N, C-alpha and C. Protein backbone atom coordinates (compact mmCIF):
# COMPACT_ATOMS: atom_id res chain seq x y z
N MET A 1 138.95 95.77 69.39
CA MET A 1 138.98 94.48 70.04
C MET A 1 139.38 94.61 71.51
N LYS A 2 140.37 95.48 71.77
CA LYS A 2 140.80 95.70 73.15
C LYS A 2 139.67 96.27 73.99
N THR A 3 138.90 97.15 73.40
CA THR A 3 137.80 97.78 74.12
C THR A 3 136.76 96.74 74.53
N LYS A 4 136.42 95.82 73.62
CA LYS A 4 135.45 94.77 73.94
C LYS A 4 135.97 93.89 75.07
N LEU A 5 137.23 93.55 75.03
CA LEU A 5 137.83 92.72 76.07
C LEU A 5 137.78 93.42 77.42
N ILE A 6 138.10 94.69 77.44
CA ILE A 6 138.07 95.46 78.70
C ILE A 6 136.64 95.54 79.23
N VAL A 7 135.68 95.77 78.37
CA VAL A 7 134.28 95.84 78.79
C VAL A 7 133.83 94.49 79.36
N VAL A 8 134.15 93.41 78.68
CA VAL A 8 133.76 92.08 79.14
C VAL A 8 134.42 91.77 80.49
N LEU A 9 135.70 92.05 80.64
CA LEU A 9 136.39 91.81 81.91
C LEU A 9 135.83 92.66 83.03
N THR A 10 135.56 93.92 82.76
CA THR A 10 135.00 94.82 83.77
C THR A 10 133.62 94.34 84.21
N LEU A 11 132.79 93.99 83.25
CA LEU A 11 131.45 93.48 83.56
C LEU A 11 131.53 92.18 84.35
N SER A 12 132.42 91.30 83.98
CA SER A 12 132.60 90.03 84.69
C SER A 12 133.02 90.26 86.13
N LEU A 13 133.98 91.14 86.34
CA LEU A 13 134.42 91.46 87.70
C LEU A 13 133.30 92.08 88.52
N PHE A 14 132.54 92.96 87.91
CA PHE A 14 131.42 93.60 88.60
C PHE A 14 130.39 92.56 89.04
N LEU A 15 130.00 91.66 88.14
CA LEU A 15 129.02 90.64 88.46
C LEU A 15 129.55 89.68 89.52
N LEU A 16 130.80 89.30 89.42
CA LEU A 16 131.40 88.41 90.40
C LEU A 16 131.43 89.06 91.78
N SER A 17 131.86 90.31 91.86
CA SER A 17 131.93 90.99 93.16
C SER A 17 130.54 91.23 93.72
N ALA A 18 129.55 91.50 92.88
CA ALA A 18 128.18 91.69 93.35
C ALA A 18 127.63 90.39 93.92
N GLY A 19 127.92 89.28 93.27
CA GLY A 19 127.48 87.98 93.76
C GLY A 19 128.11 87.63 95.08
N ILE A 20 129.38 87.92 95.24
CA ILE A 20 130.08 87.65 96.50
C ILE A 20 129.52 88.53 97.60
N ALA A 21 129.32 89.80 97.32
CA ALA A 21 128.80 90.73 98.32
C ALA A 21 127.40 90.34 98.76
N MET A 22 126.56 89.88 97.84
CA MET A 22 125.20 89.49 98.19
C MET A 22 125.20 88.25 99.07
N ALA A 23 126.09 87.33 98.87
CA ALA A 23 126.10 86.08 99.60
C ALA A 23 126.84 86.17 100.93
N ALA A 24 127.54 87.25 101.17
CA ALA A 24 128.40 87.35 102.33
C ALA A 24 127.66 87.49 103.65
N ASN A 25 126.53 88.22 103.67
CA ASN A 25 125.86 88.50 104.93
C ASN A 25 124.55 87.73 105.05
N PRO A 26 124.42 86.95 106.12
CA PRO A 26 123.16 86.25 106.34
C PRO A 26 122.02 87.24 106.58
N ALA A 27 120.83 86.88 106.15
CA ALA A 27 119.64 87.70 106.36
C ALA A 27 118.93 87.23 107.62
N ILE A 28 118.34 88.18 108.34
CA ILE A 28 117.59 87.87 109.56
C ILE A 28 116.14 88.27 109.31
N PHE A 29 115.22 87.33 109.54
CA PHE A 29 113.80 87.60 109.40
C PHE A 29 113.14 87.43 110.76
N ILE A 30 112.33 88.40 111.14
CA ILE A 30 111.61 88.34 112.41
C ILE A 30 110.12 88.29 112.09
N ASN A 31 109.50 87.17 112.44
CA ASN A 31 108.09 86.93 112.13
C ASN A 31 107.80 87.22 110.66
N GLY A 32 108.70 86.79 109.79
CA GLY A 32 108.50 86.91 108.36
C GLY A 32 108.98 88.20 107.72
N ASN A 33 109.38 89.18 108.52
CA ASN A 33 109.86 90.46 107.99
C ASN A 33 111.37 90.55 108.11
N GLU A 34 112.03 90.93 107.01
CA GLU A 34 113.49 91.03 107.03
C GLU A 34 113.92 92.19 107.91
N LEU A 35 114.89 91.92 108.77
CA LEU A 35 115.44 92.94 109.66
C LEU A 35 116.51 93.73 108.92
N ALA A 36 116.31 95.02 108.83
CA ALA A 36 117.31 95.89 108.20
C ALA A 36 118.22 96.41 109.31
N THR A 37 119.49 96.14 109.20
CA THR A 37 120.44 96.58 110.22
C THR A 37 121.75 96.98 109.56
N GLU A 38 122.39 97.97 110.15
CA GLU A 38 123.69 98.42 109.65
C GLU A 38 124.78 97.42 109.99
N ASN A 39 124.48 96.56 110.94
CA ASN A 39 125.47 95.59 111.43
C ASN A 39 125.00 94.18 111.10
N PRO A 40 125.45 93.65 109.98
CA PRO A 40 124.95 92.35 109.52
C PRO A 40 125.43 91.19 110.39
N ALA A 41 124.63 90.15 110.40
CA ALA A 41 124.99 88.92 111.09
C ALA A 41 126.20 88.30 110.38
N TYR A 42 126.90 87.43 111.08
CA TYR A 42 128.05 86.73 110.50
C TYR A 42 128.18 85.37 111.16
N VAL A 43 128.94 84.49 110.54
CA VAL A 43 129.15 83.15 111.07
C VAL A 43 130.54 83.06 111.66
N GLU A 44 130.61 82.57 112.91
CA GLU A 44 131.88 82.36 113.59
C GLU A 44 131.89 80.96 114.19
N ASN A 45 132.87 80.16 113.83
CA ASN A 45 132.97 78.78 114.32
C ASN A 45 131.65 78.03 114.16
N GLU A 46 131.05 78.12 112.99
CA GLU A 46 129.80 77.44 112.66
C GLU A 46 128.61 77.92 113.50
N THR A 47 128.72 79.11 114.10
CA THR A 47 127.66 79.69 114.90
C THR A 47 127.27 81.03 114.29
N LEU A 48 125.98 81.22 114.05
CA LEU A 48 125.52 82.50 113.51
C LEU A 48 125.46 83.52 114.64
N MET A 49 126.18 84.61 114.47
CA MET A 49 126.20 85.70 115.44
C MET A 49 125.31 86.82 114.92
N VAL A 50 124.38 87.29 115.75
CA VAL A 50 123.42 88.32 115.35
C VAL A 50 123.58 89.56 116.23
N PRO A 51 123.25 90.74 115.68
CA PRO A 51 123.35 91.97 116.46
C PRO A 51 122.25 92.02 117.52
N LEU A 52 122.64 91.95 118.78
CA LEU A 52 121.69 91.82 119.88
C LEU A 52 120.68 92.97 119.92
N ARG A 53 121.14 94.22 119.93
CA ARG A 53 120.22 95.34 120.08
C ARG A 53 119.20 95.38 118.94
N ALA A 54 119.64 95.22 117.72
CA ALA A 54 118.72 95.27 116.57
C ALA A 54 117.65 94.18 116.67
N VAL A 55 118.07 92.97 117.02
CA VAL A 55 117.11 91.86 117.12
C VAL A 55 116.18 92.06 118.31
N PHE A 56 116.74 92.37 119.49
CA PHE A 56 115.92 92.54 120.68
C PHE A 56 114.92 93.68 120.50
N GLU A 57 115.36 94.80 119.97
CA GLU A 57 114.44 95.93 119.79
C GLU A 57 113.36 95.61 118.76
N ALA A 58 113.69 94.85 117.74
CA ALA A 58 112.68 94.42 116.76
C ALA A 58 111.65 93.50 117.41
N LEU A 59 112.04 92.86 118.51
CA LEU A 59 111.14 91.99 119.27
C LEU A 59 110.54 92.73 120.48
N ASN A 60 110.61 94.06 120.44
CA ASN A 60 110.03 94.93 121.48
C ASN A 60 110.66 94.73 122.87
N GLN A 61 111.96 94.50 122.89
CA GLN A 61 112.69 94.36 124.14
C GLN A 61 113.56 95.60 124.34
N GLU A 62 113.55 96.16 125.55
CA GLU A 62 114.45 97.26 125.86
C GLU A 62 115.84 96.69 126.13
N VAL A 63 116.85 97.41 125.71
CA VAL A 63 118.23 96.96 125.89
C VAL A 63 119.00 98.07 126.58
N GLN A 64 119.71 97.71 127.65
CA GLN A 64 120.53 98.67 128.38
C GLN A 64 121.98 98.20 128.38
N TRP A 65 122.90 99.12 128.07
CA TRP A 65 124.33 98.84 128.03
C TRP A 65 124.98 99.41 129.27
N ASN A 66 125.83 98.63 129.93
CA ASN A 66 126.59 99.09 131.08
C ASN A 66 128.06 99.09 130.66
N ALA A 67 128.60 100.28 130.38
CA ALA A 67 129.98 100.40 129.89
C ALA A 67 130.99 100.00 130.96
N GLU A 68 130.64 100.19 132.23
CA GLU A 68 131.57 99.90 133.32
C GLU A 68 132.01 98.43 133.34
N ASP A 69 131.04 97.52 133.25
CA ASP A 69 131.42 96.09 133.25
C ASP A 69 131.17 95.42 131.89
N ARG A 70 130.89 96.24 130.88
CA ARG A 70 130.67 95.75 129.51
C ARG A 70 129.61 94.65 129.49
N SER A 71 128.43 94.99 130.04
CA SER A 71 127.33 94.03 130.09
C SER A 71 126.07 94.64 129.47
N VAL A 72 125.15 93.74 129.14
CA VAL A 72 123.87 94.12 128.55
C VAL A 72 122.77 93.54 129.42
N THR A 73 121.75 94.36 129.68
CA THR A 73 120.58 93.91 130.43
C THR A 73 119.35 94.19 129.58
N SER A 74 118.45 93.20 129.55
CA SER A 74 117.17 93.37 128.86
C SER A 74 116.14 92.58 129.65
N GLY A 75 115.35 93.29 130.44
CA GLY A 75 114.36 92.62 131.29
C GLY A 75 115.07 91.68 132.26
N ASN A 76 114.75 90.39 132.17
CA ASN A 76 115.34 89.39 133.06
C ASN A 76 116.56 88.70 132.45
N ILE A 77 117.20 89.35 131.47
CA ILE A 77 118.35 88.79 130.76
C ILE A 77 119.57 89.65 131.07
N TRP A 78 120.67 89.00 131.42
CA TRP A 78 121.94 89.71 131.64
C TRP A 78 123.04 88.91 130.96
N LEU A 79 123.90 89.62 130.24
CA LEU A 79 125.07 88.97 129.65
C LEU A 79 126.22 89.96 129.62
N GLN A 80 127.41 89.42 129.52
CA GLN A 80 128.62 90.23 129.56
C GLN A 80 129.51 89.85 128.37
N ILE A 81 130.13 90.88 127.80
CA ILE A 81 131.02 90.67 126.65
C ILE A 81 132.15 89.73 127.04
N ASP A 82 132.46 88.80 126.16
CA ASP A 82 133.53 87.80 126.32
C ASP A 82 133.29 86.82 127.46
N ASN A 83 132.05 86.72 127.95
CA ASN A 83 131.69 85.78 129.00
C ASN A 83 130.64 84.85 128.42
N ASN A 84 130.94 83.56 128.34
CA ASN A 84 129.99 82.66 127.71
C ASN A 84 128.88 82.16 128.64
N VAL A 85 128.78 82.75 129.84
CA VAL A 85 127.69 82.42 130.74
C VAL A 85 126.82 83.67 130.91
N ALA A 86 125.55 83.55 130.54
CA ALA A 86 124.57 84.63 130.70
C ALA A 86 123.57 84.21 131.76
N THR A 87 122.73 85.14 132.18
CA THR A 87 121.69 84.83 133.14
C THR A 87 120.35 85.15 132.50
N VAL A 88 119.43 84.17 132.52
CA VAL A 88 118.09 84.34 131.99
C VAL A 88 117.11 83.83 133.05
N ASN A 89 116.22 84.73 133.50
CA ASN A 89 115.26 84.38 134.56
C ASN A 89 115.95 83.82 135.80
N GLY A 90 117.10 84.35 136.13
CA GLY A 90 117.84 83.92 137.31
C GLY A 90 118.63 82.63 137.13
N GLU A 91 118.56 82.03 135.96
CA GLU A 91 119.27 80.78 135.68
C GLU A 91 120.47 81.04 134.78
N SER A 92 121.56 80.33 135.04
CA SER A 92 122.75 80.46 134.19
C SER A 92 122.53 79.72 132.88
N VAL A 93 122.93 80.37 131.78
CA VAL A 93 122.82 79.79 130.45
C VAL A 93 124.19 79.90 129.79
N THR A 94 124.70 78.78 129.28
CA THR A 94 126.00 78.80 128.62
C THR A 94 125.82 79.00 127.13
N LEU A 95 126.52 80.00 126.59
CA LEU A 95 126.47 80.29 125.16
C LEU A 95 127.60 79.55 124.47
N GLU A 96 127.34 79.03 123.25
CA GLU A 96 128.38 78.29 122.53
C GLU A 96 129.53 79.20 122.10
N VAL A 97 129.24 80.48 121.90
CA VAL A 97 130.26 81.49 121.60
C VAL A 97 129.93 82.69 122.48
N PRO A 98 130.89 83.24 123.21
CA PRO A 98 130.56 84.36 124.09
C PRO A 98 130.16 85.61 123.29
N PRO A 99 129.34 86.48 123.89
CA PRO A 99 129.00 87.74 123.24
C PRO A 99 130.27 88.51 122.91
N THR A 100 130.24 89.21 121.80
CA THR A 100 131.41 89.95 121.38
C THR A 100 130.98 91.30 120.81
N ILE A 101 131.93 92.21 120.68
CA ILE A 101 131.65 93.51 120.10
C ILE A 101 132.34 93.61 118.75
N VAL A 102 131.56 93.98 117.73
CA VAL A 102 132.07 94.21 116.38
C VAL A 102 131.51 95.57 115.94
N ASN A 103 132.38 96.47 115.55
CA ASN A 103 131.96 97.82 115.12
C ASN A 103 131.03 98.47 116.15
N ASP A 104 131.42 98.41 117.41
CA ASP A 104 130.67 99.02 118.52
C ASP A 104 129.29 98.43 118.74
N ARG A 105 129.05 97.20 118.30
CA ARG A 105 127.77 96.52 118.49
C ARG A 105 127.99 95.16 119.11
N THR A 106 127.07 94.78 120.00
CA THR A 106 127.14 93.48 120.66
C THR A 106 126.50 92.42 119.79
N PHE A 107 127.21 91.32 119.60
CA PHE A 107 126.71 90.18 118.83
C PHE A 107 126.62 88.97 119.74
N VAL A 108 125.53 88.20 119.59
CA VAL A 108 125.31 86.98 120.37
C VAL A 108 124.95 85.85 119.41
N PRO A 109 125.12 84.60 119.85
CA PRO A 109 124.70 83.48 119.01
C PRO A 109 123.18 83.51 118.78
N LEU A 110 122.77 83.14 117.59
CA LEU A 110 121.35 83.11 117.25
C LEU A 110 120.57 82.27 118.25
N ASN A 111 121.12 81.12 118.66
CA ASN A 111 120.39 80.25 119.59
C ASN A 111 120.11 80.91 120.93
N PHE A 112 120.90 81.91 121.32
CA PHE A 112 120.65 82.62 122.57
C PHE A 112 119.30 83.35 122.51
N ILE A 113 118.90 83.79 121.32
CA ILE A 113 117.61 84.46 121.16
C ILE A 113 116.49 83.49 121.52
N ALA A 114 116.61 82.24 121.05
CA ALA A 114 115.60 81.23 121.33
C ALA A 114 115.51 80.97 122.83
N VAL A 115 116.66 80.82 123.48
CA VAL A 115 116.69 80.50 124.90
C VAL A 115 116.21 81.68 125.74
N SER A 116 116.71 82.87 125.46
CA SER A 116 116.43 84.01 126.32
C SER A 116 115.05 84.61 126.12
N LEU A 117 114.52 84.55 124.91
CA LEU A 117 113.22 85.18 124.63
C LEU A 117 112.12 84.17 124.29
N ASP A 118 112.43 82.88 124.41
CA ASP A 118 111.48 81.81 124.14
C ASP A 118 110.87 81.96 122.75
N LYS A 119 111.75 82.04 121.75
CA LYS A 119 111.34 82.18 120.35
C LYS A 119 111.69 80.92 119.58
N GLU A 120 111.01 80.73 118.47
CA GLU A 120 111.36 79.66 117.54
C GLU A 120 112.42 80.23 116.61
N VAL A 121 113.56 79.56 116.53
CA VAL A 121 114.67 80.06 115.73
C VAL A 121 115.07 79.00 114.72
N LEU A 122 115.15 79.41 113.45
CA LEU A 122 115.53 78.51 112.37
C LEU A 122 116.70 79.11 111.61
N TRP A 123 117.66 78.27 111.23
CA TRP A 123 118.81 78.73 110.46
C TRP A 123 118.93 77.87 109.23
N ASP A 124 118.94 78.50 108.07
CA ASP A 124 119.12 77.80 106.80
C ASP A 124 120.49 78.21 106.25
N ALA A 125 121.49 77.36 106.44
CA ALA A 125 122.86 77.69 106.03
C ALA A 125 122.97 77.82 104.51
N ALA A 126 122.18 77.04 103.77
CA ALA A 126 122.26 77.11 102.31
C ALA A 126 121.77 78.46 101.79
N LEU A 127 120.73 78.99 102.42
CA LEU A 127 120.18 80.29 102.01
C LEU A 127 120.77 81.46 102.78
N LEU A 128 121.60 81.15 103.79
CA LEU A 128 122.12 82.19 104.69
C LEU A 128 120.96 83.01 105.25
N ARG A 129 119.98 82.30 105.84
CA ARG A 129 118.77 82.95 106.33
C ARG A 129 118.45 82.45 107.73
N ALA A 130 118.25 83.41 108.65
CA ALA A 130 117.83 83.11 110.00
C ALA A 130 116.41 83.62 110.18
N ASP A 131 115.54 82.76 110.71
CA ASP A 131 114.16 83.16 111.00
C ASP A 131 113.94 83.09 112.50
N ILE A 132 113.46 84.18 113.06
CA ILE A 132 113.13 84.26 114.48
C ILE A 132 111.63 84.52 114.53
N ASN A 133 110.88 83.59 115.11
CA ASN A 133 109.43 83.69 115.12
C ASN A 133 108.87 83.51 116.52
N ASP A 134 107.71 84.13 116.75
CA ASP A 134 106.99 83.85 117.98
C ASP A 134 106.54 82.41 117.92
N LYS A 135 106.59 81.74 119.08
CA LYS A 135 106.11 80.36 119.12
C LYS A 135 104.59 80.38 119.01
N PRO A 136 104.01 79.38 118.33
CA PRO A 136 102.55 79.33 118.21
C PRO A 136 101.92 79.20 119.59
N VAL A 137 100.80 79.88 119.77
CA VAL A 137 100.06 79.80 121.03
C VAL A 137 99.21 78.54 120.99
N PRO A 138 99.30 77.71 122.03
CA PRO A 138 98.50 76.48 122.02
C PRO A 138 97.01 76.82 122.02
N ALA A 139 96.21 75.98 121.35
CA ALA A 139 94.76 76.18 121.31
C ALA A 139 94.19 76.04 122.71
N GLU A 140 93.17 76.86 122.99
CA GLU A 140 92.51 76.78 124.29
C GLU A 140 91.69 75.50 124.37
N GLU A 141 91.47 75.04 125.59
CA GLU A 141 90.71 73.83 125.79
C GLU A 141 89.28 74.05 125.30
N GLY A 142 88.75 73.07 124.60
CA GLY A 142 87.39 73.16 124.12
C GLY A 142 87.26 73.76 122.73
N THR A 143 88.38 74.20 122.12
CA THR A 143 88.31 74.73 120.76
C THR A 143 88.62 73.61 119.79
N PRO A 144 88.15 73.72 118.56
CA PRO A 144 88.41 72.66 117.58
C PRO A 144 89.89 72.50 117.32
N ALA A 145 90.29 71.28 117.07
CA ALA A 145 91.71 71.02 116.77
C ALA A 145 92.08 71.66 115.45
N GLU A 146 93.30 72.19 115.38
CA GLU A 146 93.79 72.78 114.13
C GLU A 146 94.15 71.66 113.17
N GLU A 147 94.17 71.99 111.89
CA GLU A 147 94.49 71.01 110.86
C GLU A 147 95.87 70.40 111.13
N GLY A 148 95.95 69.09 111.13
CA GLY A 148 97.22 68.41 111.33
C GLY A 148 97.53 68.13 112.78
N ILE A 149 96.74 68.67 113.71
CA ILE A 149 96.96 68.43 115.13
C ILE A 149 95.81 67.57 115.62
N PRO A 150 96.10 66.41 116.20
CA PRO A 150 95.01 65.54 116.64
C PRO A 150 94.21 66.19 117.75
N ALA A 151 92.90 65.96 117.73
CA ALA A 151 92.02 66.51 118.75
C ALA A 151 92.22 65.73 120.04
N GLU A 152 91.91 66.38 121.16
CA GLU A 152 91.97 65.68 122.44
C GLU A 152 90.89 64.62 122.45
N GLU A 153 91.10 63.61 123.29
CA GLU A 153 90.13 62.53 123.36
C GLU A 153 88.78 63.11 123.76
N GLY A 154 87.74 62.70 123.04
CA GLY A 154 86.40 63.16 123.34
C GLY A 154 86.02 64.45 122.62
N THR A 155 86.92 65.03 121.82
CA THR A 155 86.61 66.24 121.07
C THR A 155 86.39 65.87 119.62
N PRO A 156 85.19 66.07 119.09
CA PRO A 156 84.93 65.69 117.69
C PRO A 156 85.51 66.71 116.73
N ALA A 157 86.76 66.52 116.34
CA ALA A 157 87.46 67.48 115.48
C ALA A 157 86.90 67.50 114.07
N ASP A 158 86.37 66.36 113.59
CA ASP A 158 85.93 66.29 112.20
C ASP A 158 84.46 66.66 112.05
N GLU A 159 83.74 66.73 113.14
CA GLU A 159 82.31 66.98 113.07
C GLU A 159 82.03 68.35 112.46
N GLY A 160 81.20 68.38 111.46
CA GLY A 160 80.79 69.65 110.85
C GLY A 160 81.83 70.24 109.92
N THR A 161 82.84 69.50 109.54
CA THR A 161 83.90 70.03 108.69
C THR A 161 83.87 69.32 107.34
N THR A 162 84.05 70.08 106.28
CA THR A 162 84.19 69.46 104.98
C THR A 162 85.59 69.74 104.48
N GLU A 163 86.10 68.88 103.61
CA GLU A 163 87.45 69.08 103.10
C GLU A 163 87.56 70.36 102.30
N ASP A 164 86.50 70.72 101.57
CA ASP A 164 86.58 71.91 100.72
C ASP A 164 86.65 73.19 101.54
N GLU A 165 85.88 73.25 102.64
CA GLU A 165 85.85 74.49 103.42
C GLU A 165 86.98 74.57 104.41
N GLY A 166 87.32 73.46 105.05
CA GLY A 166 88.42 73.46 106.00
C GLY A 166 88.07 74.10 107.33
N THR A 167 86.79 74.44 107.57
CA THR A 167 86.40 75.01 108.85
C THR A 167 85.10 74.37 109.31
N ILE A 168 84.73 74.64 110.52
CA ILE A 168 83.53 74.07 111.09
C ILE A 168 82.32 74.88 110.66
N GLU A 169 81.31 74.21 110.11
CA GLU A 169 80.13 74.89 109.59
C GLU A 169 79.35 75.57 110.69
N ASP A 170 79.30 74.98 111.89
CA ASP A 170 78.50 75.52 112.98
C ASP A 170 78.91 76.94 113.34
N GLU A 171 80.15 77.30 113.12
CA GLU A 171 80.60 78.64 113.48
C GLU A 171 80.31 79.65 112.38
N GLY A 172 79.78 79.22 111.25
CA GLY A 172 79.44 80.13 110.17
C GLY A 172 80.65 80.72 109.47
N THR A 173 81.76 80.02 109.51
CA THR A 173 82.99 80.53 108.92
C THR A 173 83.35 79.73 107.68
N THR A 174 83.76 80.42 106.67
CA THR A 174 84.35 79.76 105.52
C THR A 174 85.71 80.36 105.30
N GLU A 175 86.56 79.69 104.54
CA GLU A 175 87.90 80.22 104.29
C GLU A 175 87.84 81.58 103.62
N ASP A 176 86.86 81.76 102.72
CA ASP A 176 86.79 83.01 101.98
C ASP A 176 86.37 84.17 102.88
N GLU A 177 85.46 83.92 103.82
CA GLU A 177 84.96 85.00 104.67
C GLU A 177 85.96 85.38 105.74
N GLY A 178 86.52 84.38 106.42
CA GLY A 178 87.52 84.65 107.45
C GLY A 178 86.91 85.17 108.75
N THR A 179 85.60 85.24 108.89
CA THR A 179 84.98 85.70 110.13
C THR A 179 83.83 84.78 110.48
N THR A 180 83.29 84.94 111.66
CA THR A 180 82.14 84.16 112.05
C THR A 180 80.93 85.06 112.08
N GLU A 181 79.75 84.47 111.96
CA GLU A 181 78.53 85.25 111.99
C GLU A 181 78.36 85.93 113.34
N ASP A 182 78.80 85.26 114.41
CA ASP A 182 78.66 85.81 115.76
C ASP A 182 79.44 87.08 115.95
N GLU A 183 80.51 87.29 115.18
CA GLU A 183 81.35 88.48 115.33
C GLU A 183 80.71 89.70 114.72
N GLY A 184 79.73 89.51 113.87
CA GLY A 184 79.04 90.63 113.26
C GLY A 184 79.82 91.33 112.19
N SER A 185 80.83 90.71 111.64
CA SER A 185 81.64 91.35 110.60
C SER A 185 81.14 90.99 109.24
């Protein structure tokens, strides 16, 4: 009987600690792909702090560290540890929480990524999930309006479209094909 009790208690503690460990670190997704980093994001004063180098490099940004003044430069972005004012494109930007160092890594507020790199940033506190995405590129003038976006005045967005296909017949494209006849694919 003692053995069963010990096994049940051990298993319960294991499951409880595994659940706590899994929920402790927010996940970061960049354009739909989870970012694997040794330095997990964390929440400070209701602000999600993310590892700057890992996120910036995943977004193809070079990052340079200046140990002398404890600052980071990436293209037209400059920030300094414990200073809540950064510079982006020559303009001062105030961060809600200043950059900080944790385990030899610089952390910045998630919203700074949106401001400094012009990204779409979403935070789901219930799922502990941050999504950093490229902003959609606006449609070029003269192209058909995308579904859900009204066409410009004088552009026949519905012409040649059926509900089943969802694309314009004149271009020779169907959802299943994914190409146009003009492309030769």
